[in-house]
């Protein structure tokens, strides 16, 4: 498995299944779920936060920190 930018959810699942640590996994998961919720809601943030069970402020923070870039900090 390469850098986290090249890591897919399948790679992450395989690594976790084999008890391996995956640097940046949390970032990858946050990015995936925020993008999916926004996609499923047609870009509607109010609907996306309902799907995710978070508030809009949290959605904006996650989007700003993780969706724009998932570089390790």
N, C-alpha and C. Protein backbone atom coordinates (compact mmCIF):
# COMPACT_ATOMS: atom_id res chain seq x y z
N UNK A 1 0.84 -1.17 0.00
CA UNK A 1 0.00 0.00 0.00
C UNK A 1 0.89 1.23 0.00
N UNK A 2 0.52 2.23 -0.83
CA UNK A 2 1.32 3.43 -0.95
C UNK A 2 0.91 4.50 0.05
N UNK A 3 1.14 5.72 -0.33
CA UNK A 3 0.77 6.84 0.50
C UNK A 3 -0.74 6.89 0.67
N UNK A 4 -1.18 7.58 1.71
CA UNK A 4 -2.61 7.64 2.00
C UNK A 4 -3.41 8.22 0.84
N UNK A 5 -2.83 9.14 0.05
CA UNK A 5 -3.56 9.70 -1.08
C UNK A 5 -3.94 8.62 -2.08
N UNK A 6 -3.14 7.55 -2.14
CA UNK A 6 -3.40 6.46 -3.08
C UNK A 6 -4.16 5.32 -2.43
N UNK A 7 -4.50 5.47 -1.17
CA UNK A 7 -5.17 4.42 -0.41
C UNK A 7 -6.67 4.44 -0.72
N UNK A 8 -7.21 3.28 -1.03
CA UNK A 8 -8.65 3.17 -1.26
C UNK A 8 -9.30 2.59 -0.01
N UNK A 9 -10.61 2.63 0.03
CA UNK A 9 -11.31 2.02 1.17
C UNK A 9 -11.04 0.52 1.23
N UNK A 10 -10.87 -0.11 0.08
CA UNK A 10 -10.55 -1.53 0.06
C UNK A 10 -9.17 -1.78 0.68
N UNK A 11 -8.21 -0.91 0.37
CA UNK A 11 -6.87 -1.02 0.97
C UNK A 11 -6.97 -0.85 2.48
N UNK A 12 -7.75 0.13 2.90
CA UNK A 12 -7.92 0.40 4.33
C UNK A 12 -8.55 -0.80 5.04
N UNK A 13 -9.59 -1.37 4.44
CA UNK A 13 -10.25 -2.54 5.02
C UNK A 13 -9.28 -3.71 5.15
N UNK A 14 -8.50 -3.94 4.10
CA UNK A 14 -7.53 -5.04 4.11
C UNK A 14 -6.49 -4.83 5.20
N UNK A 15 -6.00 -3.61 5.32
CA UNK A 15 -4.97 -3.31 6.33
C UNK A 15 -5.52 -3.51 7.73
N UNK A 16 -6.71 -2.99 7.99
CA UNK A 16 -7.31 -3.12 9.31
C UNK A 16 -7.62 -4.59 9.62
N UNK A 17 -8.06 -5.32 8.61
CA UNK A 17 -8.34 -6.75 8.79
C UNK A 17 -7.09 -7.52 9.17
N UNK A 18 -5.94 -7.04 8.73
CA UNK A 18 -4.67 -7.69 9.04
C UNK A 18 -3.94 -7.02 10.20
N UNK A 19 -4.68 -6.23 10.99
CA UNK A 19 -4.14 -5.54 12.17
C UNK A 19 -2.94 -4.65 11.86
N UNK A 20 -2.95 -4.01 10.70
CA UNK A 20 -1.89 -3.08 10.34
C UNK A 20 -2.35 -1.65 10.62
N UNK A 21 -1.41 -0.80 11.00
CA UNK A 21 -1.73 0.61 11.20
C UNK A 21 -1.70 1.31 9.84
N UNK A 22 -2.64 2.22 9.66
CA UNK A 22 -2.71 2.97 8.40
C UNK A 22 -2.67 4.45 8.73
N UNK A 23 -1.49 5.09 8.55
CA UNK A 23 -1.41 6.53 8.81
C UNK A 23 -2.38 7.29 7.91
N UNK A 24 -3.15 8.18 8.49
CA UNK A 24 -4.10 8.97 7.71
C UNK A 24 -5.44 8.30 7.50
N UNK A 25 -5.69 7.17 8.13
CA UNK A 25 -6.94 6.45 7.93
C UNK A 25 -8.15 7.28 8.36
N UNK A 26 -8.03 7.97 9.46
CA UNK A 26 -9.14 8.78 9.95
C UNK A 26 -9.49 9.86 8.93
N UNK A 27 -8.47 10.48 8.37
CA UNK A 27 -8.67 11.51 7.35
C UNK A 27 -9.39 10.92 6.14
N UNK A 28 -8.95 9.76 5.70
CA UNK A 28 -9.55 9.11 4.54
C UNK A 28 -11.03 8.82 4.79
N UNK A 29 -11.35 8.32 5.98
CA UNK A 29 -12.73 7.99 6.29
C UNK A 29 -13.61 9.23 6.39
N UNK A 30 -13.10 10.27 7.03
CA UNK A 30 -13.87 11.52 7.11
C UNK A 30 -14.14 12.06 5.73
N UNK A 31 -13.10 12.08 4.90
CA UNK A 31 -13.24 12.57 3.52
C UNK A 31 -14.29 11.76 2.76
N UNK A 32 -14.21 10.44 2.86
CA UNK A 32 -15.15 9.56 2.15
C UNK A 32 -16.59 9.82 2.57
N UNK A 33 -16.84 9.84 3.89
CA UNK A 33 -18.21 9.98 4.35
C UNK A 33 -18.78 11.37 4.09
N UNK A 34 -17.97 12.42 4.21
CA UNK A 34 -18.47 13.77 3.91
C UNK A 34 -18.78 13.88 2.42
N UNK A 35 -17.89 13.41 1.57
CA UNK A 35 -18.13 13.47 0.13
C UNK A 35 -19.37 12.66 -0.24
N UNK A 36 -19.52 11.50 0.35
CA UNK A 36 -20.68 10.66 0.03
C UNK A 36 -21.98 11.30 0.48
N UNK A 37 -21.99 11.86 1.70
CA UNK A 37 -23.20 12.50 2.20
C UNK A 37 -23.57 13.71 1.34
N UNK A 38 -22.57 14.50 0.95
CA UNK A 38 -22.85 15.65 0.09
C UNK A 38 -23.35 15.21 -1.28
N UNK A 39 -22.78 14.14 -1.79
CA UNK A 39 -23.22 13.61 -3.08
C UNK A 39 -24.66 13.10 -3.00
N UNK A 40 -24.95 12.33 -1.95
CA UNK A 40 -26.29 11.76 -1.79
C UNK A 40 -27.34 12.84 -1.56
N UNK A 41 -26.93 13.98 -1.00
CA UNK A 41 -27.87 15.06 -0.70
C UNK A 41 -27.89 16.12 -1.81
N UNK A 42 -27.20 15.84 -2.91
CA UNK A 42 -27.17 16.80 -4.01
C UNK A 42 -26.45 18.09 -3.65
N UNK A 43 -25.49 17.99 -2.72
CA UNK A 43 -24.74 19.17 -2.30
C UNK A 43 -25.42 19.98 -1.21
N UNK A 44 -26.57 19.53 -0.76
CA UNK A 44 -27.32 20.24 0.28
C UNK A 44 -26.70 19.93 1.64
N UNK A 45 -26.06 20.93 2.25
CA UNK A 45 -25.37 20.72 3.53
C UNK A 45 -26.34 20.35 4.65
N UNK A 46 -27.53 20.93 4.65
CA UNK A 46 -28.51 20.62 5.71
C UNK A 46 -28.90 19.15 5.66
N UNK A 47 -29.10 18.63 4.47
CA UNK A 47 -29.45 17.21 4.33
C UNK A 47 -28.24 16.32 4.64
N UNK A 48 -27.05 16.75 4.26
CA UNK A 48 -25.83 15.97 4.51
C UNK A 48 -25.58 15.81 6.00
N UNK A 49 -25.80 16.88 6.78
CA UNK A 49 -25.55 16.77 8.22
C UNK A 49 -26.54 15.84 8.89
N UNK A 50 -27.75 15.76 8.36
CA UNK A 50 -28.73 14.80 8.89
C UNK A 50 -28.25 13.38 8.62
N UNK A 51 -27.76 13.13 7.41
CA UNK A 51 -27.24 11.80 7.08
C UNK A 51 -26.06 11.41 7.96
N UNK A 52 -25.20 12.39 8.27
CA UNK A 52 -23.99 12.12 9.05
C UNK A 52 -24.22 12.18 10.56
N UNK A 53 -25.31 12.82 10.98
CA UNK A 53 -25.57 12.95 12.40
C UNK A 53 -24.66 13.96 13.08
N UNK A 54 -24.27 15.00 12.34
CA UNK A 54 -23.40 16.05 12.88
C UNK A 54 -24.05 17.40 12.60
N UNK A 55 -23.49 18.48 13.16
CA UNK A 55 -24.04 19.80 12.85
C UNK A 55 -23.27 20.44 11.69
N UNK A 56 -23.83 21.54 11.17
CA UNK A 56 -23.23 22.18 9.98
C UNK A 56 -21.84 22.71 10.25
N UNK A 57 -21.61 23.22 11.47
CA UNK A 57 -20.29 23.73 11.81
C UNK A 57 -19.25 22.62 11.72
N UNK A 58 -19.60 21.44 12.22
CA UNK A 58 -18.70 20.29 12.17
C UNK A 58 -18.47 19.86 10.72
N UNK A 59 -19.52 19.85 9.92
CA UNK A 59 -19.39 19.50 8.50
C UNK A 59 -18.42 20.46 7.81
N UNK A 60 -18.58 21.75 8.03
CA UNK A 60 -17.69 22.73 7.39
C UNK A 60 -16.24 22.55 7.85
N UNK A 61 -16.05 22.26 9.14
CA UNK A 61 -14.70 22.06 9.66
C UNK A 61 -14.06 20.83 9.03
N UNK A 62 -14.80 19.73 8.99
CA UNK A 62 -14.27 18.50 8.39
C UNK A 62 -13.96 18.72 6.92
N UNK A 63 -14.87 19.39 6.22
CA UNK A 63 -14.65 19.63 4.79
C UNK A 63 -13.38 20.46 4.58
N UNK A 64 -13.24 21.52 5.37
CA UNK A 64 -12.08 22.40 5.23
C UNK A 64 -10.78 21.65 5.55
N UNK A 65 -10.79 20.84 6.61
CA UNK A 65 -9.57 20.15 7.07
C UNK A 65 -9.23 18.91 6.26
N UNK A 66 -10.23 18.20 5.77
CA UNK A 66 -9.96 16.87 5.22
C UNK A 66 -10.33 16.69 3.74
N UNK A 67 -11.39 17.31 3.30
CA UNK A 67 -11.82 17.05 1.92
C UNK A 67 -10.95 17.80 0.93
N UNK A 68 -10.57 19.01 1.27
CA UNK A 68 -9.70 19.79 0.37
C UNK A 68 -8.35 19.13 0.20
N UNK A 69 -7.82 18.57 1.30
CA UNK A 69 -6.51 17.93 1.27
C UNK A 69 -6.41 16.93 2.41
N UNK A 70 -5.88 15.79 2.13
CA UNK A 70 -5.69 14.78 3.17
C UNK A 70 -4.22 14.56 3.46
N UNK A 71 -3.43 15.59 3.29
CA UNK A 71 -2.01 15.46 3.61
C UNK A 71 -1.84 15.28 5.10
N UNK A 72 -0.90 14.44 5.47
CA UNK A 72 -0.62 14.23 6.89
C UNK A 72 -0.06 15.50 7.48
N UNK A 73 -0.52 15.85 8.69
CA UNK A 73 -0.09 17.09 9.34
C UNK A 73 0.81 16.78 10.49
